[in-house]
Amino acid sequence: MSNLVEMGVIHWIGILSTLLMILCFYFTLTFFENLRKNDERITKQSKIAAIICFALALIIPSIYNLLLFL
């Protein structure tokens, strides 16, 4: 039973990581769009959001794999 639960968790982590990468790409495009418009506040927020999404997309699967194999 726990083996099936672990497989489900792995799939959900993969889906979450993919969604975070898509959000990272969206915020990166928003950053470049607002950079051209010279809107500092939205540019800064988009950059921070893109960095956070990218970091989470890479860190969450890594932490799960470390916990799984320790």
C-alpha atoms as a PDB file:
ATOM      1  CA  MET A   1       0.000   0.000   0.000  1.00  0.00           C
ATOM      2  CA  SER A   2       2.769   2.470   0.879  1.00  0.00           C
ATOM      3  CA  ASN A   3       4.416   1.727  -2.452  1.00  0.00           C
ATOM      4  CA  LEU A   4       1.303   2.953  -4.273  1.00  0.00           C
ATOM      5  CA  VAL A   5       1.199   6.074  -2.105  1.00  0.00           C
ATOM      6  CA  GLU A   6       4.854   6.835  -2.888  1.00  0.00           C
ATOM      7  CA  MET A   7       4.161   6.473  -6.616  1.00  0.00           C
ATOM      8  CA  GLY A   8       1.270   8.905  -6.310  1.00  0.00           C
ATOM      9  CA  VAL A   9       3.446  11.398  -4.452  1.00  0.00           C
ATOM     10  CA  ILE A  10       6.123  11.145  -7.132  1.00  0.00           C
ATOM     11  CA  HIS A  11       3.572  11.941  -9.839  1.00  0.00           C
ATOM     12  CA  TRP A  12       2.203  14.920  -7.913  1.00  0.00           C
ATOM     13  CA  ILE A  13       5.705  16.273  -7.317  1.00  0.00           C
ATOM     14  CA  GLY A  14       6.372  15.980 -11.061  1.00  0.00           C
ATOM     15  CA  ILE A  15       3.164  17.845 -11.862  1.00  0.00           C
ATOM     16  CA  LEU A  16       3.951  20.541  -9.280  1.00  0.00           C
ATOM     17  CA  SER A  17       7.472  20.956 -10.623  1.00  0.00           C
ATOM     18  CA  THR A  18       6.161  21.298 -14.183  1.00  0.00           C
ATOM     19  CA  LEU A  19       3.588  23.893 -13.137  1.00  0.00           C
ATOM     20  CA  LEU A  20       6.239  25.879 -11.297  1.00  0.00           C
ATOM     21  CA  MET A  21       8.466  25.852 -14.399  1.00  0.00           C
ATOM     22  CA  ILE A  22       5.544  27.126 -16.494  1.00  0.00           C
ATOM     23  CA  LEU A  23       4.927  29.895 -13.951  1.00  0.00           C
ATOM     24  CA  CYS A  24       8.631  30.724 -14.004  1.00  0.00           C
ATOM     25  CA  PHE A  25       8.505  31.099 -17.792  1.00  0.00           C
ATOM     26  CA  TYR A  26       5.371  33.267 -17.523  1.00  0.00           C
ATOM     27  CA  PHE A  27       6.920  35.580 -14.923  1.00  0.00           C
ATOM     28  CA  THR A  28      10.130  35.802 -16.966  1.00  0.00           C
ATOM     29  CA  LEU A  29       8.168  36.922 -20.017  1.00  0.00           C
ATOM     30  CA  THR A  30       6.238  39.400 -17.861  1.00  0.00           C
ATOM     31  CA  PHE A  31       9.565  40.685 -16.529  1.00  0.00           C
ATOM     32  CA  PHE A  32      10.881  41.373 -20.045  1.00  0.00           C
ATOM     33  CA  GLU A  33       7.601  42.948 -21.105  1.00  0.00           C
ATOM     34  CA  ASN A  34       7.559  45.343 -18.143  1.00  0.00           C
ATOM     35  CA  LEU A  35      11.277  46.029 -18.468  1.00  0.00           C
ATOM     36  CA  ARG A  36      10.564  47.587 -21.835  1.00  0.00           C
ATOM     37  CA  LYS A  37       7.669  49.611 -20.359  1.00  0.00           C
ATOM     38  CA  ASN A  38       9.962  50.965 -17.590  1.00  0.00           C
ATOM     39  CA  ASP A  39       7.565  49.892 -14.837  1.00  0.00           C
ATOM     40  CA  GLU A  40       9.973  49.302 -11.950  1.00  0.00           C
ATOM     41  CA  ARG A  41       7.523  47.924  -9.376  1.00  0.00           C
ATOM     42  CA  ILE A  42       6.013  45.221 -11.597  1.00  0.00           C
ATOM     43  CA  THR A  43       9.427  44.428 -13.094  1.00  0.00           C
ATOM     44  CA  LYS A  44      10.864  43.793  -9.629  1.00  0.00           C
ATOM     45  CA  GLN A  45       7.858  41.694  -8.566  1.00  0.00           C
ATOM     46  CA  SER A  46       8.018  39.609 -11.766  1.00  0.00           C
ATOM     47  CA  LYS A  47      11.729  38.975 -11.319  1.00  0.00           C
ATOM     48  CA  ILE A  48      11.287  37.856  -7.712  1.00  0.00           C
ATOM     49  CA  ALA A  49       8.327  35.620  -8.617  1.00  0.00           C
ATOM     50  CA  ALA A  50      10.285  34.003 -11.477  1.00  0.00           C
ATOM     51  CA  ILE A  51      13.266  33.311  -9.216  1.00  0.00           C
ATOM     52  CA  ILE A  52      11.078  31.829  -6.467  1.00  0.00           C
ATOM     53  CA  CYS A  53       9.164  29.583  -8.911  1.00  0.00           C
ATOM     54  CA  PHE A  54      12.395  28.397 -10.534  1.00  0.00           C
ATOM     55  CA  ALA A  55      14.009  27.670  -7.173  1.00  0.00           C
ATOM     56  CA  LEU A  56      10.977  25.758  -5.902  1.00  0.00           C
ATOM     57  CA  ALA A  57      10.717  23.783  -9.152  1.00  0.00           C
ATOM     58  CA  LEU A  58      14.278  22.569  -8.642  1.00  0.00           C
ATOM     59  CA  ILE A  59      14.364  22.247  -4.857  1.00  0.00           C
ATOM     60  CA  ILE A  60      11.128  20.336  -4.167  1.00  0.00           C
ATOM     61  CA  PRO A  61      12.025  17.217  -6.216  1.00  0.00           C
ATOM     62  CA  SER A  62      15.587  17.306  -4.874  1.00  0.00           C
ATOM     63  CA  ILE A  63      14.448  17.408  -1.254  1.00  0.00           C
ATOM     64  CA  TYR A  64      11.981  14.570  -1.865  1.00  0.00           C
ATOM     65  CA  ASN A  65      14.703  12.446  -3.462  1.00  0.00           C
ATOM     66  CA  LEU A  66      17.070  13.131  -0.562  1.00  0.00           C
ATOM     67  CA  LEU A  67      14.412  12.163   1.968  1.00  0.00           C
ATOM     68  CA  LEU A  68      13.465   9.092  -0.047  1.00  0.00           C
ATOM     69  CA  PHE A  69      16.981   7.695  -0.227  1.00  0.00           C
ATOM     70  CA  LEU A  70      18.200   8.567   3.272  1.00  0.00           C
END
